[in-house]
Protein backbone atom coordinates (compact mmCIF):
# COMPACT_ATOMS: atom_id res chain seq x y z
CA UNK A 1 0.00 0.00 0.00
CA UNK A 2 2.80 2.38 0.92
CA UNK A 3 4.54 1.61 -2.38
CA UNK A 4 1.35 2.38 -4.31
CA UNK A 5 0.86 5.70 -2.51
CA UNK A 6 4.52 6.62 -3.14
CA UNK A 7 4.15 5.79 -6.83
CA UNK A 8 0.98 7.90 -7.11
CA UNK A 9 2.69 10.82 -5.35
CA UNK A 10 5.71 10.70 -7.67
CA UNK A 11 3.52 10.55 -10.78
CA UNK A 12 1.37 13.42 -9.53
CA UNK A 13 4.45 15.55 -8.81
CA UNK A 14 5.86 14.88 -12.28
CA UNK A 15 2.56 15.78 -13.94
CA UNK A 16 2.29 19.01 -11.91
CA UNK A 17 5.87 20.01 -12.73
CA UNK A 18 5.30 19.41 -16.46
CA UNK A 19 2.13 21.52 -16.44
CA UNK A 20 3.90 24.39 -14.66
CA UNK A 21 6.77 24.27 -17.17
CA UNK A 22 4.36 24.34 -20.10
CA UNK A 23 2.51 27.28 -18.58
CA UNK A 24 5.76 29.22 -18.19
CA UNK A 25 6.95 28.75 -21.79
CA UNK A 26 4.54 31.34 -23.31
CA UNK A 27 5.54 33.81 -20.58
CA UNK A 28 9.24 33.33 -21.37
CA UNK A 29 8.53 33.59 -25.10
CA UNK A 30 6.64 36.87 -24.64
CA UNK A 31 9.46 38.28 -22.49
CA UNK A 32 12.05 37.33 -25.11
CA UNK A 33 10.04 39.07 -27.83
CA UNK A 34 9.80 42.21 -25.70
CA UNK A 35 13.58 42.51 -25.36
CA UNK A 36 15.63 44.43 -27.99
CA UNK A 37 17.57 42.31 -30.47
CA UNK A 38 21.38 42.54 -30.07
CA UNK A 39 23.64 43.14 -33.07
CA UNK A 40 27.37 42.45 -33.27
CA UNK A 41 29.77 42.39 -36.21
CA UNK A 42 32.93 43.44 -38.02
CA UNK A 43 33.41 45.79 -40.99
CA UNK A 44 36.02 46.76 -43.56
CA UNK A 45 35.94 49.46 -46.16
CA UNK A 46 37.35 52.79 -47.20
CA UNK A 47 37.41 56.33 -45.84
CA UNK A 48 37.85 59.39 -48.05
CA UNK A 49 39.34 62.12 -45.87
CA UNK A 50 40.20 65.78 -46.22
CA UNK A 51 40.79 68.75 -43.93
CA UNK A 52 38.66 71.64 -45.15
CA UNK A 53 40.26 75.09 -44.81
CA UNK A 54 39.94 78.49 -46.43
CA UNK A 55 43.73 78.73 -46.74
CA UNK A 56 46.15 77.22 -49.25
CA UNK A 57 48.24 75.10 -46.87
CA UNK A 58 46.25 71.88 -47.38
CA UNK A 59 45.14 70.18 -50.59
CA UNK A 60 41.33 70.28 -50.84
CA UNK A 61 40.83 66.79 -52.22
CA UNK A 62 39.53 63.59 -50.62
CA UNK A 63 42.27 60.99 -50.02
CA UNK A 64 41.28 57.29 -49.81
CA UNK A 65 42.37 55.13 -46.88
CA UNK A 66 41.67 51.70 -45.37
CA UNK A 67 38.93 51.30 -42.75
CA UNK A 68 38.70 48.36 -40.29
CA UNK A 69 36.18 48.35 -37.45
CA UNK A 70 33.67 46.59 -35.22
CA UNK A 71 30.08 47.41 -34.29
CA UNK A 72 27.50 46.50 -31.65
CA UNK A 73 24.02 47.66 -30.80
CA UNK A 74 20.39 46.92 -30.09
CA UNK A 75 17.33 47.08 -32.32
CA UNK A 76 13.62 46.68 -31.73
CA UNK A 77 11.02 47.08 -34.43
CA UNK A 78 11.99 49.97 -36.69
CA UNK A 79 14.42 51.61 -34.22
CA UNK A 80 17.93 50.81 -33.09
CA UNK A 81 21.04 52.20 -31.46
CA UNK A 82 24.56 51.55 -32.75
CA UNK A 83 28.07 51.99 -31.32
CA UNK A 84 31.25 51.37 -33.34
CA UNK A 85 35.01 51.41 -32.92
CA UNK A 86 36.82 52.18 -36.20
CA UNK A 87 40.44 52.85 -37.11
CA UNK A 88 40.80 55.74 -39.56
CA UNK A 89 44.08 55.94 -41.53
CA UNK A 90 43.86 59.48 -42.91
CA UNK A 91 46.21 61.30 -45.32
CA UNK A 92 46.44 65.06 -45.90
CA UNK A 93 48.77 66.78 -48.39
CA UNK A 94 50.32 70.00 -47.04
CA UNK A 95 52.42 72.92 -48.31
CA UNK A 96 53.64 75.22 -45.54
CA UNK A 97 55.60 78.48 -45.60
CA UNK A 98 57.97 78.85 -42.66
CA UNK A 99 57.63 81.94 -40.47
CA UNK A 100 61.36 82.07 -39.72
CA UNK A 101 62.90 82.01 -43.22
CA UNK A 102 59.91 82.01 -45.64
CA UNK A 103 60.95 78.59 -47.02
CA UNK A 104 58.47 76.02 -48.30
CA UNK A 105 57.83 72.61 -46.78
CA UNK A 106 55.77 70.13 -48.79
CA UNK A 107 54.64 66.65 -47.84
CA UNK A 108 51.86 64.47 -46.47
CA UNK A 109 50.45 63.98 -42.99
CA UNK A 110 49.65 60.34 -42.25
CA UNK A 111 47.32 60.29 -39.26
CA UNK A 112 45.72 57.41 -37.36
CA UNK A 113 42.48 58.05 -35.47
CA UNK A 114 40.25 55.93 -33.27
CA UNK A 115 36.69 56.87 -34.30
CA UNK A 116 33.74 55.99 -32.06
CA UNK A 117 30.37 56.88 -33.63
CA UNK A 118 27.20 56.59 -31.53
CA UNK A 119 24.09 56.59 -33.70
CA UNK A 120 20.34 56.11 -33.75
CA UNK A 121 18.97 53.94 -36.57
CA UNK A 122 15.57 53.90 -38.26
CA UNK A 123 14.30 51.30 -40.74
CA UNK A 124 12.64 53.18 -43.61
CA UNK A 125 11.86 50.10 -45.73
CA UNK A 126 12.70 46.41 -45.30
CA UNK A 127 16.50 45.93 -45.09
CA UNK A 128 17.29 49.68 -45.39
CA UNK A 129 18.22 51.69 -42.27
CA UNK A 130 19.02 55.40 -41.91
CA UNK A 131 21.66 56.37 -39.33
CA UNK A 132 22.51 59.61 -37.55
CA UNK A 133 24.49 60.62 -34.49
CA UNK A 134 27.75 61.98 -33.15
CA UNK A 135 31.32 60.70 -33.43
CA UNK A 136 34.17 61.04 -30.95
CA UNK A 137 37.70 60.73 -32.39
CA UNK A 138 41.05 60.25 -30.66
CA UNK A 139 44.28 61.13 -32.52
CA UNK A 140 46.53 58.10 -32.03
CA UNK A 141 49.51 59.09 -34.18
CA UNK A 142 50.68 61.64 -36.76
CA UNK A 143 53.55 61.20 -39.23
CA UNK A 144 55.04 63.71 -41.66
CA UNK A 145 56.26 62.27 -44.98
CA UNK A 146 58.21 64.93 -46.89
CA UNK A 147 58.18 65.29 -50.68
CA UNK A 148 61.48 64.78 -52.55
CA UNK A 149 64.06 67.33 -51.32
CA UNK A 150 62.00 68.68 -48.41
CA UNK A 151 62.51 67.76 -44.75
CA UNK A 152 59.86 66.06 -42.61
CA UNK A 153 58.22 68.14 -39.90
CA UNK A 154 59.51 67.68 -36.37
CA UNK A 155 56.89 66.31 -33.96
CA UNK A 156 53.93 66.73 -36.36
CA UNK A 157 51.43 65.52 -33.74
CA UNK A 158 51.76 68.90 -32.01
CA UNK A 159 49.81 70.50 -34.88
CA UNK A 160 46.66 68.40 -34.31
CA UNK A 161 44.08 68.38 -31.55
CA UNK A 162 44.18 65.17 -29.49
CA UNK A 163 40.37 64.82 -29.49
CA UNK A 164 37.63 65.91 -31.87
CA UNK A 165 33.87 65.63 -32.45
CA UNK A 166 31.82 65.18 -35.62
CA UNK A 167 28.28 64.66 -36.84
CA UNK A 168 27.45 61.43 -38.71
CA UNK A 169 24.68 60.67 -41.23
CA UNK A 170 24.38 57.56 -43.37
CA UNK A 171 22.42 54.58 -44.63
CA UNK A 172 22.91 50.84 -44.33
CA UNK A 173 21.46 47.91 -46.26
CA UNK A 174 21.06 44.62 -44.37
CA UNK A 175 21.76 41.97 -47.00
CA UNK A 176 21.06 38.21 -46.79
CA UNK A 177 23.55 35.83 -45.09
CA UNK A 178 24.36 38.43 -42.39
CA UNK A 179 26.11 40.88 -44.75
CA UNK A 180 25.67 44.66 -44.49
CA UNK A 181 26.67 47.46 -46.85
CA UNK A 182 26.74 51.10 -45.83
CA UNK A 183 27.68 54.64 -46.79
CA UNK A 184 28.23 57.66 -44.51
CA UNK A 185 29.28 61.27 -44.45
CA UNK A 186 31.08 62.64 -41.39
CA UNK A 187 31.25 66.40 -40.78
CA UNK A 188 33.79 67.64 -38.25
CA UNK A 189 32.73 70.15 -35.59
CA UNK A 190 36.22 70.67 -34.12
CA UNK A 191 39.03 72.88 -35.40
CA UNK A 192 41.74 70.23 -35.79
CA UNK A 193 44.65 72.68 -35.54
CA UNK A 194 46.49 73.84 -32.45
CA UNK A 195 48.00 77.27 -31.92
CA UNK A 196 51.41 75.79 -32.68
CA UNK A 197 50.83 75.45 -36.42
CA UNK A 198 50.18 79.19 -36.93
CA UNK A 199 53.29 80.02 -34.89
CA UNK A 200 55.51 77.99 -37.23
CA UNK A 201 53.89 78.63 -40.63
CA UNK A 202 52.71 81.96 -42.03
CA UNK A 203 50.10 80.45 -44.38
CA UNK A 204 48.43 78.26 -41.71
CA UNK A 205 46.20 80.80 -39.97
CA UNK A 206 42.83 79.19 -40.75
CA UNK A 207 40.76 76.48 -39.09
CA UNK A 208 41.02 72.85 -40.25
CA UNK A 209 37.72 70.99 -40.30
CA UNK A 210 37.60 67.25 -40.97
CA UNK A 211 35.39 65.90 -43.78
CA UNK A 212 35.05 62.16 -44.41
CA UNK A 213 33.07 59.99 -46.82
CA UNK A 214 32.84 56.30 -45.97
CA UNK A 215 31.89 53.07 -47.76
CA UNK A 216 32.00 49.71 -45.98
CA UNK A 217 31.00 46.04 -46.05
CA UNK A 218 30.31 44.21 -42.82
CA UNK A 219 29.37 40.81 -41.40
CA UNK A 220 26.90 40.40 -38.53
CA UNK A 221 27.47 37.58 -36.07
CA UNK A 222 24.17 38.44 -34.35
């Protein structure tokens, strides 16, 4: 008799546990649907950089450079938020006139920046998202590569601000098999020069404002 009662109790407990688990599954499913969807991936592409100025010390043409980066974010419905970490290898052609002896110095700045854009995203049609936000940039290194018979600039990093801010607008297409393709334009808000550049060069009295076009291809893990 005791064995029969024990068997009935075990079977009843198992049935009750199964019913509770089944009742909880829809609740868990609804909670999962309510949470934002995470996104995570890597990207490669090209930046097209220039420093806009009203003076003649910098060439006013966009120079191409390599772009590697990573991105993460959250999306829910038609809205999302995106954060990236990109390495920007920028090049700027310069022609300076020395204050001390009026001599010319021609060459190219080769700068490396860490760019961190933070953007809101909105899905306008299936697979197509618009992006907009602000970008923080950190100047990691600056090199001066002189042309032909000219000498490289000493400590060229002193001519650039260590940090800068920009506005970002763009669009991204979410392709099948987790691929993404995007295009952006980045407009600098910060004067990239320091007071040192105008002290050394007579034709470098104007503000330098960063302008960047960007094309990229990415892969989403999530």
